[in-house]
């Protein structure tokens, strides 16, 4: 096929994913399967506090968003998406010219 298998992650209270990119930087993966151009996250549950997907390398004035005060301390470290059951988040790891996009760093 042309896609990867689904990965389902479950986080315990206080657990988090360290910031990372989803594109490949090694020649083996690029040669044998191509580049990972996009990622889709689907939120399967609501959380009371925290749980944001944070893009720390994104550019912008994010403290001006109306939900800023609802974010956790970690969520205030960049562009943040609060999880809501049933929502999905799609973001690109590659720019339109085919180069990797470092601003897709997320955690």
N, C-alpha and C. Protein backbone atom coordinates (compact mmCIF):
# COMPACT_ATOMS: atom_id res chain seq x y z
N UNK A 1 0.80 -1.17 0.00
CA UNK A 1 0.00 0.00 0.00
C UNK A 1 0.85 1.26 0.00
N UNK A 2 0.17 2.35 0.01
CA UNK A 2 0.82 3.66 -0.04
C UNK A 2 0.77 4.40 1.28
N UNK A 3 0.35 3.76 2.32
CA UNK A 3 0.26 4.45 3.60
C UNK A 3 0.83 3.61 4.72
N UNK A 4 0.89 4.22 5.87
CA UNK A 4 1.39 3.52 7.06
C UNK A 4 0.20 3.04 7.88
N UNK A 5 0.49 2.12 8.79
CA UNK A 5 -0.54 1.65 9.70
C UNK A 5 -0.88 2.74 10.70
N UNK A 6 -2.08 2.64 11.28
CA UNK A 6 -2.48 3.57 12.32
C UNK A 6 -1.67 3.29 13.59
N UNK A 7 -1.38 4.33 14.32
CA UNK A 7 -0.78 4.21 15.65
C UNK A 7 -1.77 4.81 16.63
N UNK A 8 -2.12 4.08 17.66
CA UNK A 8 -3.02 4.59 18.68
C UNK A 8 -2.22 4.73 19.97
N UNK A 9 -2.21 5.94 20.50
CA UNK A 9 -1.47 6.23 21.73
C UNK A 9 -2.46 6.57 22.84
N UNK A 10 -2.16 6.13 24.03
CA UNK A 10 -2.95 6.46 25.21
C UNK A 10 -2.01 7.07 26.23
N UNK A 11 -2.34 8.24 26.70
CA UNK A 11 -1.48 8.93 27.65
C UNK A 11 -2.06 8.85 29.05
N UNK A 12 -1.21 8.57 30.01
CA UNK A 12 -1.60 8.63 31.42
C UNK A 12 -1.49 10.08 31.88
N UNK A 13 -2.07 10.40 33.02
CA UNK A 13 -1.99 11.75 33.57
C UNK A 13 -0.52 12.12 33.74
N UNK A 14 -0.14 13.28 33.24
CA UNK A 14 1.23 13.77 33.35
C UNK A 14 2.16 13.29 32.25
N UNK A 15 1.71 12.34 31.44
CA UNK A 15 2.55 11.82 30.37
C UNK A 15 2.47 12.74 29.16
N UNK A 16 3.58 12.81 28.37
CA UNK A 16 3.57 13.66 27.19
C UNK A 16 4.52 13.11 26.14
N UNK A 17 4.38 13.62 24.95
CA UNK A 17 5.23 13.25 23.83
C UNK A 17 6.22 14.38 23.63
N UNK A 18 7.51 14.08 23.60
CA UNK A 18 8.52 15.13 23.40
C UNK A 18 8.40 15.71 21.99
N UNK A 19 8.71 16.99 21.81
CA UNK A 19 8.63 17.59 20.47
C UNK A 19 9.50 16.83 19.46
N UNK A 20 8.91 16.60 18.29
CA UNK A 20 9.58 15.85 17.22
C UNK A 20 8.95 16.23 15.88
N UNK A 21 9.59 15.86 14.81
CA UNK A 21 9.01 16.01 13.48
C UNK A 21 8.63 14.62 12.98
N UNK A 22 7.72 14.56 12.02
CA UNK A 22 7.29 13.28 11.47
C UNK A 22 7.92 12.96 10.13
N UNK A 23 8.67 13.89 9.55
CA UNK A 23 9.32 13.58 8.28
C UNK A 23 10.58 12.75 8.53
N UNK A 24 10.99 12.03 7.49
CA UNK A 24 12.17 11.17 7.59
C UNK A 24 13.42 11.97 7.23
N UNK A 25 14.48 11.73 7.98
CA UNK A 25 15.76 12.38 7.69
C UNK A 25 16.81 11.39 7.23
N UNK A 26 16.45 10.11 7.19
CA UNK A 26 17.43 9.09 6.80
C UNK A 26 17.16 8.60 5.38
N UNK A 27 18.22 8.29 4.67
CA UNK A 27 18.11 7.87 3.26
C UNK A 27 17.36 6.54 3.12
N UNK A 28 17.48 5.63 4.10
CA UNK A 28 16.83 4.32 3.99
C UNK A 28 15.32 4.47 3.85
N UNK A 29 14.68 5.19 4.77
CA UNK A 29 13.23 5.35 4.72
C UNK A 29 12.79 6.11 3.48
N UNK A 30 13.52 7.13 3.12
CA UNK A 30 13.16 7.93 1.95
C UNK A 30 13.24 7.07 0.69
N UNK A 31 14.28 6.27 0.57
CA UNK A 31 14.45 5.41 -0.61
C UNK A 31 13.42 4.29 -0.65
N UNK A 32 13.09 3.71 0.50
CA UNK A 32 12.24 2.52 0.54
C UNK A 32 10.76 2.79 0.74
N UNK A 33 10.36 3.99 0.96
CA UNK A 33 8.94 4.23 1.15
C UNK A 33 8.53 5.65 0.82
N UNK A 34 9.49 6.48 0.56
CA UNK A 34 9.16 7.87 0.28
C UNK A 34 9.09 8.68 1.55
N UNK A 35 8.79 9.91 1.41
CA UNK A 35 8.75 10.83 2.53
C UNK A 35 7.35 10.87 3.14
N UNK A 36 7.27 11.08 4.42
CA UNK A 36 5.99 11.26 5.11
C UNK A 36 5.63 12.74 4.95
N UNK A 37 4.59 13.03 4.17
CA UNK A 37 4.29 14.42 3.84
C UNK A 37 3.30 15.08 4.78
N UNK A 38 2.48 14.29 5.46
CA UNK A 38 1.46 14.88 6.33
C UNK A 38 1.15 13.92 7.47
N UNK A 39 0.56 14.47 8.52
CA UNK A 39 0.15 13.68 9.68
C UNK A 39 -1.27 14.09 10.05
N UNK A 40 -2.08 13.11 10.44
CA UNK A 40 -3.41 13.41 10.95
C UNK A 40 -3.53 12.81 12.34
N UNK A 41 -3.91 13.65 13.29
CA UNK A 41 -4.17 13.21 14.66
C UNK A 41 -5.67 13.24 14.88
N UNK A 42 -6.21 12.18 15.46
CA UNK A 42 -7.63 12.14 15.80
C UNK A 42 -7.73 12.02 17.31
N UNK A 43 -8.51 12.91 17.90
CA UNK A 43 -8.65 12.93 19.36
C UNK A 43 -9.82 12.03 19.75
N UNK A 44 -9.54 11.00 20.52
CA UNK A 44 -10.54 10.00 20.87
C UNK A 44 -11.18 10.24 22.22
N UNK A 45 -10.72 11.26 22.94
CA UNK A 45 -11.32 11.57 24.25
C UNK A 45 -11.10 13.04 24.57
N UNK A 46 -11.87 13.52 25.52
CA UNK A 46 -11.69 14.87 26.05
C UNK A 46 -10.75 14.77 27.26
N UNK A 47 -10.11 15.87 27.59
CA UNK A 47 -9.29 15.93 28.80
C UNK A 47 -9.67 17.17 29.58
N UNK A 48 -9.54 17.10 30.90
CA UNK A 48 -9.89 18.25 31.73
C UNK A 48 -8.83 19.33 31.67
N UNK A 49 -7.57 18.92 31.63
CA UNK A 49 -6.47 19.89 31.66
C UNK A 49 -5.30 19.37 30.85
N UNK A 50 -4.62 20.27 30.13
CA UNK A 50 -3.45 19.87 29.33
C UNK A 50 -3.87 19.10 28.09
N UNK A 51 -2.96 18.26 27.62
CA UNK A 51 -3.25 17.41 26.47
C UNK A 51 -3.12 18.08 25.13
N UNK A 52 -2.68 19.34 25.11
CA UNK A 52 -2.59 20.05 23.84
C UNK A 52 -1.52 19.45 22.94
N UNK A 53 -1.73 19.57 21.64
CA UNK A 53 -0.67 19.33 20.67
C UNK A 53 -0.03 20.69 20.43
N UNK A 54 1.27 20.80 20.69
CA UNK A 54 1.96 22.09 20.65
C UNK A 54 2.97 22.09 19.51
N UNK A 55 2.97 23.18 18.75
CA UNK A 55 3.93 23.39 17.67
C UNK A 55 4.87 24.52 18.10
N UNK A 56 5.97 24.19 18.82
CA UNK A 56 6.84 25.23 19.38
C UNK A 56 7.63 26.03 18.35
N UNK A 57 7.80 25.50 17.14
CA UNK A 57 8.57 26.21 16.11
C UNK A 57 7.69 27.05 15.19
N UNK A 58 6.37 27.01 15.40
CA UNK A 58 5.46 27.81 14.57
C UNK A 58 5.64 29.29 14.90
N UNK A 59 5.43 30.12 13.91
CA UNK A 59 5.59 31.57 14.08
C UNK A 59 4.23 32.23 14.25
N UNK A 60 4.14 33.19 15.14
CA UNK A 60 2.89 33.93 15.32
C UNK A 60 2.77 34.47 16.73
N UNK A 61 1.75 35.30 16.94
CA UNK A 61 1.46 35.86 18.26
C UNK A 61 0.31 35.07 18.86
N UNK A 62 0.63 33.92 19.44
CA UNK A 62 -0.41 33.02 19.90
C UNK A 62 -1.05 33.44 21.21
N UNK A 63 -0.42 34.33 21.96
CA UNK A 63 -1.00 34.76 23.23
C UNK A 63 -2.24 35.63 23.02
N UNK A 64 -2.52 36.01 21.77
CA UNK A 64 -3.70 36.84 21.50
C UNK A 64 -4.95 36.00 21.22
N UNK A 65 -4.84 34.68 21.18
CA UNK A 65 -6.02 33.86 20.90
C UNK A 65 -6.94 33.87 22.10
N UNK A 66 -8.26 33.80 21.89
CA UNK A 66 -9.21 33.92 23.01
C UNK A 66 -9.08 32.81 24.06
N UNK A 67 -8.56 31.65 23.70
CA UNK A 67 -8.47 30.53 24.64
C UNK A 67 -7.10 30.44 25.33
N UNK A 68 -6.28 31.47 25.22
CA UNK A 68 -4.93 31.45 25.79
C UNK A 68 -4.93 31.07 27.27
N UNK A 69 -5.83 31.65 28.06
CA UNK A 69 -5.85 31.39 29.51
C UNK A 69 -6.31 29.97 29.85
N UNK A 70 -6.88 29.27 28.89
CA UNK A 70 -7.32 27.89 29.12
C UNK A 70 -6.19 26.88 28.89
N UNK A 71 -5.07 27.34 28.31
CA UNK A 71 -3.97 26.43 27.98
C UNK A 71 -3.11 26.12 29.20
N UNK A 72 -2.52 24.93 29.19
CA UNK A 72 -1.56 24.57 30.23
C UNK A 72 -0.27 25.35 30.01
N UNK A 73 0.64 25.30 30.97
CA UNK A 73 1.94 25.97 30.79
C UNK A 73 2.65 25.44 29.55
N UNK A 74 2.59 24.13 29.35
CA UNK A 74 3.20 23.52 28.17
C UNK A 74 2.52 24.03 26.90
N UNK A 75 1.21 24.16 26.94
CA UNK A 75 0.44 24.63 25.79
C UNK A 75 0.76 26.05 25.38
N UNK A 76 1.35 26.81 26.29
CA UNK A 76 1.69 28.21 26.00
C UNK A 76 3.07 28.35 25.36
N UNK A 77 3.68 27.23 24.97
CA UNK A 77 5.02 27.26 24.38
C UNK A 77 5.01 27.33 22.86
N UNK A 78 3.86 27.58 22.26
CA UNK A 78 3.77 27.68 20.80
C UNK A 78 2.32 27.63 20.35
N UNK A 79 2.11 27.39 19.08
CA UNK A 79 0.76 27.20 18.56
C UNK A 79 0.22 25.91 19.17
N UNK A 80 -0.94 25.98 19.83
CA UNK A 80 -1.46 24.82 20.55
C UNK A 80 -2.88 24.50 20.14
N UNK A 81 -3.14 23.21 20.03
CA UNK A 81 -4.47 22.71 19.70
C UNK A 81 -4.94 21.90 20.90
N UNK A 82 -6.08 22.32 21.49
CA UNK A 82 -6.64 21.58 22.62
C UNK A 82 -7.41 20.36 22.11
N UNK A 83 -7.22 19.21 22.74
CA UNK A 83 -7.94 18.02 22.28
C UNK A 83 -9.42 18.09 22.61
N UNK A 84 -10.23 17.69 21.66
CA UNK A 84 -11.68 17.58 21.87
C UNK A 84 -12.12 16.30 21.16
N UNK A 85 -12.79 15.43 21.90
CA UNK A 85 -13.20 14.15 21.35
C UNK A 85 -13.92 14.33 20.02
N UNK A 86 -13.48 13.59 19.01
CA UNK A 86 -14.09 13.65 17.69
C UNK A 86 -13.41 14.60 16.73
N UNK A 87 -12.55 15.48 17.23
CA UNK A 87 -11.82 16.40 16.35
C UNK A 87 -10.63 15.70 15.72
N UNK A 88 -10.19 16.24 14.60
CA UNK A 88 -8.99 15.74 13.93
C UNK A 88 -8.12 16.93 13.56
N UNK A 89 -6.83 16.71 13.54
CA UNK A 89 -5.86 17.74 13.20
C UNK A 89 -4.98 17.19 12.08
N UNK A 90 -4.93 17.89 10.95
CA UNK A 90 -4.07 17.52 9.83
C UNK A 90 -3.03 18.60 9.68
N UNK A 91 -1.76 18.20 9.60
CA UNK A 91 -0.70 19.18 9.34
C UNK A 91 0.33 18.57 8.41
N UNK A 92 0.98 19.44 7.66
CA UNK A 92 1.96 19.04 6.66
C UNK A 92 3.36 19.02 7.25
N UNK A 93 4.15 18.03 6.87
CA UNK A 93 5.55 17.94 7.26
C UNK A 93 6.47 18.45 6.16
N UNK A 94 5.89 18.67 4.99
CA UNK A 94 6.65 19.10 3.81
C UNK A 94 6.05 20.40 3.28
N UNK A 95 6.90 21.22 2.71
CA UNK A 95 6.46 22.44 2.05
C UNK A 95 6.04 22.09 0.62
N UNK A 96 5.28 22.98 -0.05
CA UNK A 96 4.85 22.68 -1.42
C UNK A 96 6.00 22.40 -2.39
N UNK A 97 7.19 22.93 -2.11
CA UNK A 97 8.32 22.69 -3.01
C UNK A 97 9.03 21.36 -2.73
N UNK A 98 8.51 20.57 -1.79
CA UNK A 98 9.07 19.25 -1.51
C UNK A 98 10.15 19.21 -0.44
N UNK A 99 10.47 20.35 0.16
CA UNK A 99 11.45 20.36 1.25
C UNK A 99 10.74 20.16 2.58
N UNK A 100 11.49 19.68 3.58
CA UNK A 100 10.89 19.46 4.90
C UNK A 100 10.56 20.79 5.55
N UNK A 101 9.55 20.77 6.42
CA UNK A 101 9.10 21.98 7.10
C UNK A 101 9.40 21.88 8.59
N UNK A 102 10.48 22.52 9.07
CA UNK A 102 10.84 22.44 10.49
C UNK A 102 9.76 22.98 11.42
N UNK A 103 8.86 23.83 10.93
CA UNK A 103 7.80 24.36 11.80
C UNK A 103 6.75 23.30 12.10
N UNK A 104 6.87 22.10 11.51
CA UNK A 104 5.95 21.01 11.84
C UNK A 104 6.38 20.28 13.12
N UNK A 105 7.46 20.74 13.75
CA UNK A 105 7.89 20.20 15.05
C UNK A 105 6.70 20.26 15.99
N UNK A 106 6.37 19.16 16.64
CA UNK A 106 5.20 19.12 17.52
C UNK A 106 5.42 18.13 18.65
N UNK A 107 4.64 18.29 19.69
CA UNK A 107 4.71 17.39 20.83
C UNK A 107 3.50 17.56 21.71
